[in-house]
C-alpha atoms as a PDB file:
ATOM      1  CA  UNK A   1      -2.741 -21.488 -39.273  1.00  0.00           C
ATOM      2  CA  UNK A   2       0.515 -19.758 -40.096  1.00  0.00           C
ATOM      3  CA  UNK A   3       1.579 -20.392 -43.676  1.00  0.00           C
ATOM      4  CA  UNK A   4      -0.842 -23.068 -44.812  1.00  0.00           C
ATOM      5  CA  UNK A   5      -4.550 -23.693 -44.782  1.00  0.00           C
ATOM      6  CA  UNK A   6      -7.597 -21.483 -44.748  1.00  0.00           C
ATOM      7  CA  UNK A   7      -8.411 -19.047 -42.054  1.00  0.00           C
ATOM      8  CA  UNK A   8     -11.845 -20.670 -41.519  1.00  0.00           C
ATOM      9  CA  UNK A   9     -10.129 -23.706 -40.048  1.00  0.00           C
ATOM     10  CA  UNK A  10      -7.938 -21.540 -37.854  1.00  0.00           C
ATOM     11  CA  UNK A  11     -11.041 -19.671 -36.587  1.00  0.00           C
ATOM     12  CA  UNK A  12     -12.769 -22.944 -35.705  1.00  0.00           C
ATOM     13  CA  UNK A  13      -9.652 -24.199 -33.830  1.00  0.00           C
ATOM     14  CA  UNK A  14      -9.172 -20.835 -32.129  1.00  0.00           C
ATOM     15  CA  UNK A  15     -12.754 -20.812 -30.871  1.00  0.00           C
ATOM     16  CA  UNK A  16     -12.328 -24.329 -29.389  1.00  0.00           C
ATOM     17  CA  UNK A  17      -9.145 -23.194 -27.640  1.00  0.00           C
ATOM     18  CA  UNK A  18     -10.963 -20.097 -26.276  1.00  0.00           C
ATOM     19  CA  UNK A  19     -13.678 -22.274 -24.806  1.00  0.00           C
ATOM     20  CA  UNK A  20     -11.034 -24.345 -22.987  1.00  0.00           C
ATOM     21  CA  UNK A  21      -8.886 -21.515 -21.675  1.00  0.00           C
ATOM     22  CA  UNK A  22     -11.532 -19.301 -20.122  1.00  0.00           C
ATOM     23  CA  UNK A  23     -11.943 -15.559 -20.477  1.00  0.00           C
ATOM     24  CA  UNK A  24      -8.676 -13.716 -21.192  1.00  0.00           C
ATOM     25  CA  UNK A  25     -10.366 -10.501 -22.388  1.00  0.00           C
ATOM     26  CA  UNK A  26     -10.995  -9.268 -25.904  1.00  0.00           C
ATOM     27  CA  UNK A  27      -7.598  -7.543 -26.448  1.00  0.00           C
ATOM     28  CA  UNK A  28      -5.620 -10.588 -25.367  1.00  0.00           C
ATOM     29  CA  UNK A  29      -7.615 -12.846 -27.703  1.00  0.00           C
ATOM     30  CA  UNK A  30      -7.127 -10.423 -30.608  1.00  0.00           C
ATOM     31  CA  UNK A  31      -3.344 -10.340 -29.992  1.00  0.00           C
ATOM     32  CA  UNK A  32      -3.054 -14.132 -29.735  1.00  0.00           C
ATOM     33  CA  UNK A  33      -5.297 -14.592 -32.866  1.00  0.00           C
ATOM     34  CA  UNK A  34      -3.127 -12.168 -34.846  1.00  0.00           C
ATOM     35  CA  UNK A  35       0.061 -14.010 -33.962  1.00  0.00           C
ATOM     36  CA  UNK A  36      -1.314 -17.228 -35.527  1.00  0.00           C
ATOM     37  CA  UNK A  37      -2.186 -15.629 -38.897  1.00  0.00           C
ATOM     38  CA  UNK A  38      -0.270 -16.383 -42.018  1.00  0.00           C
ATOM     39  CA  UNK A  39       2.177 -13.698 -43.186  1.00  0.00           C
ATOM     40  CA  UNK A  40       0.145 -13.039 -46.360  1.00  0.00           C
ATOM     41  CA  UNK A  41      -2.821 -12.072 -44.217  1.00  0.00           C
ATOM     42  CA  UNK A  42      -0.679  -9.932 -41.914  1.00  0.00           C
ATOM     43  CA  UNK A  43       0.620  -8.102 -44.966  1.00  0.00           C
ATOM     44  CA  UNK A  44      -2.954  -7.447 -46.152  1.00  0.00           C
ATOM     45  CA  UNK A  45      -4.028  -6.309 -42.722  1.00  0.00           C
ATOM     46  CA  UNK A  46      -1.093  -3.814 -42.578  1.00  0.00           C
ATOM     47  CA  UNK A  47      -2.777  -1.813 -45.308  1.00  0.00           C
ATOM     48  CA  UNK A  48      -6.328  -2.258 -43.983  1.00  0.00           C
ATOM     49  CA  UNK A  49      -7.962   1.080 -43.282  1.00  0.00           C
ATOM     50  CA  UNK A  50      -9.397   0.456 -39.803  1.00  0.00           C
ATOM     51  CA  UNK A  51      -8.807  -1.144 -36.435  1.00  0.00           C
ATOM     52  CA  UNK A  52     -10.773  -3.939 -34.859  1.00  0.00           C
ATOM     53  CA  UNK A  53     -12.731  -3.486 -31.660  1.00  0.00           C
ATOM     54  CA  UNK A  54     -13.826  -7.064 -31.268  1.00  0.00           C
ATOM     55  CA  UNK A  55     -12.409 -10.478 -31.990  1.00  0.00           C
ATOM     56  CA  UNK A  56     -15.488 -11.379 -33.935  1.00  0.00           C
ATOM     57  CA  UNK A  57     -15.023  -8.352 -36.220  1.00  0.00           C
ATOM     58  CA  UNK A  58     -11.360  -9.215 -36.662  1.00  0.00           C
ATOM     59  CA  UNK A  59     -12.126 -12.806 -37.537  1.00  0.00           C
ATOM     60  CA  UNK A  60     -14.741 -11.689 -40.085  1.00  0.00           C
ATOM     61  CA  UNK A  61     -12.228  -9.339 -41.823  1.00  0.00           C
ATOM     62  CA  UNK A  62      -9.494 -12.020 -41.911  1.00  0.00           C
ATOM     63  CA  UNK A  63     -12.023 -14.513 -43.272  1.00  0.00           C
ATOM     64  CA  UNK A  64     -12.979 -12.085 -46.024  1.00  0.00           C
ATOM     65  CA  UNK A  65      -9.316 -11.292 -46.880  1.00  0.00           C
ATOM     66  CA  UNK A  66      -8.416 -14.970 -46.937  1.00  0.00           C
ATOM     67  CA  UNK A  67     -11.350 -15.831 -49.192  1.00  0.00           C
ATOM     68  CA  UNK A  68     -10.356 -13.068 -51.613  1.00  0.00           C
ATOM     69  CA  UNK A  69      -6.739 -14.306 -51.583  1.00  0.00           C
ATOM     70  CA  UNK A  70      -7.711 -17.896 -52.382  1.00  0.00           C
ATOM     71  CA  UNK A  71     -10.138 -16.801 -55.112  1.00  0.00           C
ATOM     72  CA  UNK A  72      -7.258 -14.766 -56.637  1.00  0.00           C
ATOM     73  CA  UNK A  73      -4.994 -17.780 -56.516  1.00  0.00           C
ATOM     74  CA  UNK A  74      -7.588 -19.818 -58.399  1.00  0.00           C
ATOM     75  CA  UNK A  75      -7.915 -17.128 -61.016  1.00  0.00           C
ATOM     76  CA  UNK A  76      -4.143 -17.039 -61.494  1.00  0.00           C
ATOM     77  CA  UNK A  77      -4.046 -20.807 -61.891  1.00  0.00           C
ATOM     78  CA  UNK A  78      -6.732 -20.661 -64.590  1.00  0.00           C
ATOM     79  CA  UNK A  79      -4.873 -17.817 -66.410  1.00  0.00           C
ATOM     80  CA  UNK A  80      -1.624 -19.852 -66.345  1.00  0.00           C
ATOM     81  CA  UNK A  81      -3.450 -22.774 -67.978  1.00  0.00           C
ATOM     82  CA  UNK A  82      -4.695 -20.544 -70.816  1.00  0.00           C
ATOM     83  CA  UNK A  83      -1.395 -18.964 -71.709  1.00  0.00           C
ATOM     84  CA  UNK A  84       0.433 -20.524 -74.692  1.00  0.00           C
ATOM     85  CA  UNK A  85       3.795 -22.038 -73.793  1.00  0.00           C
ATOM     86  CA  UNK A  86       6.785 -19.839 -74.491  1.00  0.00           C
ATOM     87  CA  UNK A  87       9.311 -21.429 -76.784  1.00  0.00           C
ATOM     88  CA  UNK A  88      12.642 -20.002 -77.933  1.00  0.00           C
ATOM     89  CA  UNK A  89      13.134 -16.214 -78.396  1.00  0.00           C
ATOM     90  CA  UNK A  90      13.302 -16.584 -82.184  1.00  0.00           C
ATOM     91  CA  UNK A  91       9.993 -18.466 -82.566  1.00  0.00           C
ATOM     92  CA  UNK A  92       8.037 -15.395 -83.606  1.00  0.00           C
ATOM     93  CA  UNK A  93      10.462 -14.508 -86.424  1.00  0.00           C
ATOM     94  CA  UNK A  94       9.994 -15.959 -89.903  1.00  0.00           C
ATOM     95  CA  UNK A  95      12.710 -18.329 -91.074  1.00  0.00           C
ATOM     96  CA  UNK A  96      15.627 -16.651 -92.843  1.00  0.00           C
ATOM     97  CA  UNK A  97      17.080 -17.933 -96.118  1.00  0.00           C
END
């Protein structure tokens, strides 16, 4: 995944790779999965209040965080469209004689 895309696609790809590689153990999968996450998710996880015991739990949390992030980006985009354009710094002053 790294810096582009949604974590849902990364999860799907990761599960395919897991099925090919065999059983590495839960901790190894968690560590490898974490390495592939985008930095924005890693930043959000740094302040997350708990640890993850299973890969499935970790994937669920990253999916939730990623969904929130992309929803927020959409909100920001809509807010940008609604803001009036900023013109010169004197535009709010009445004309002087």
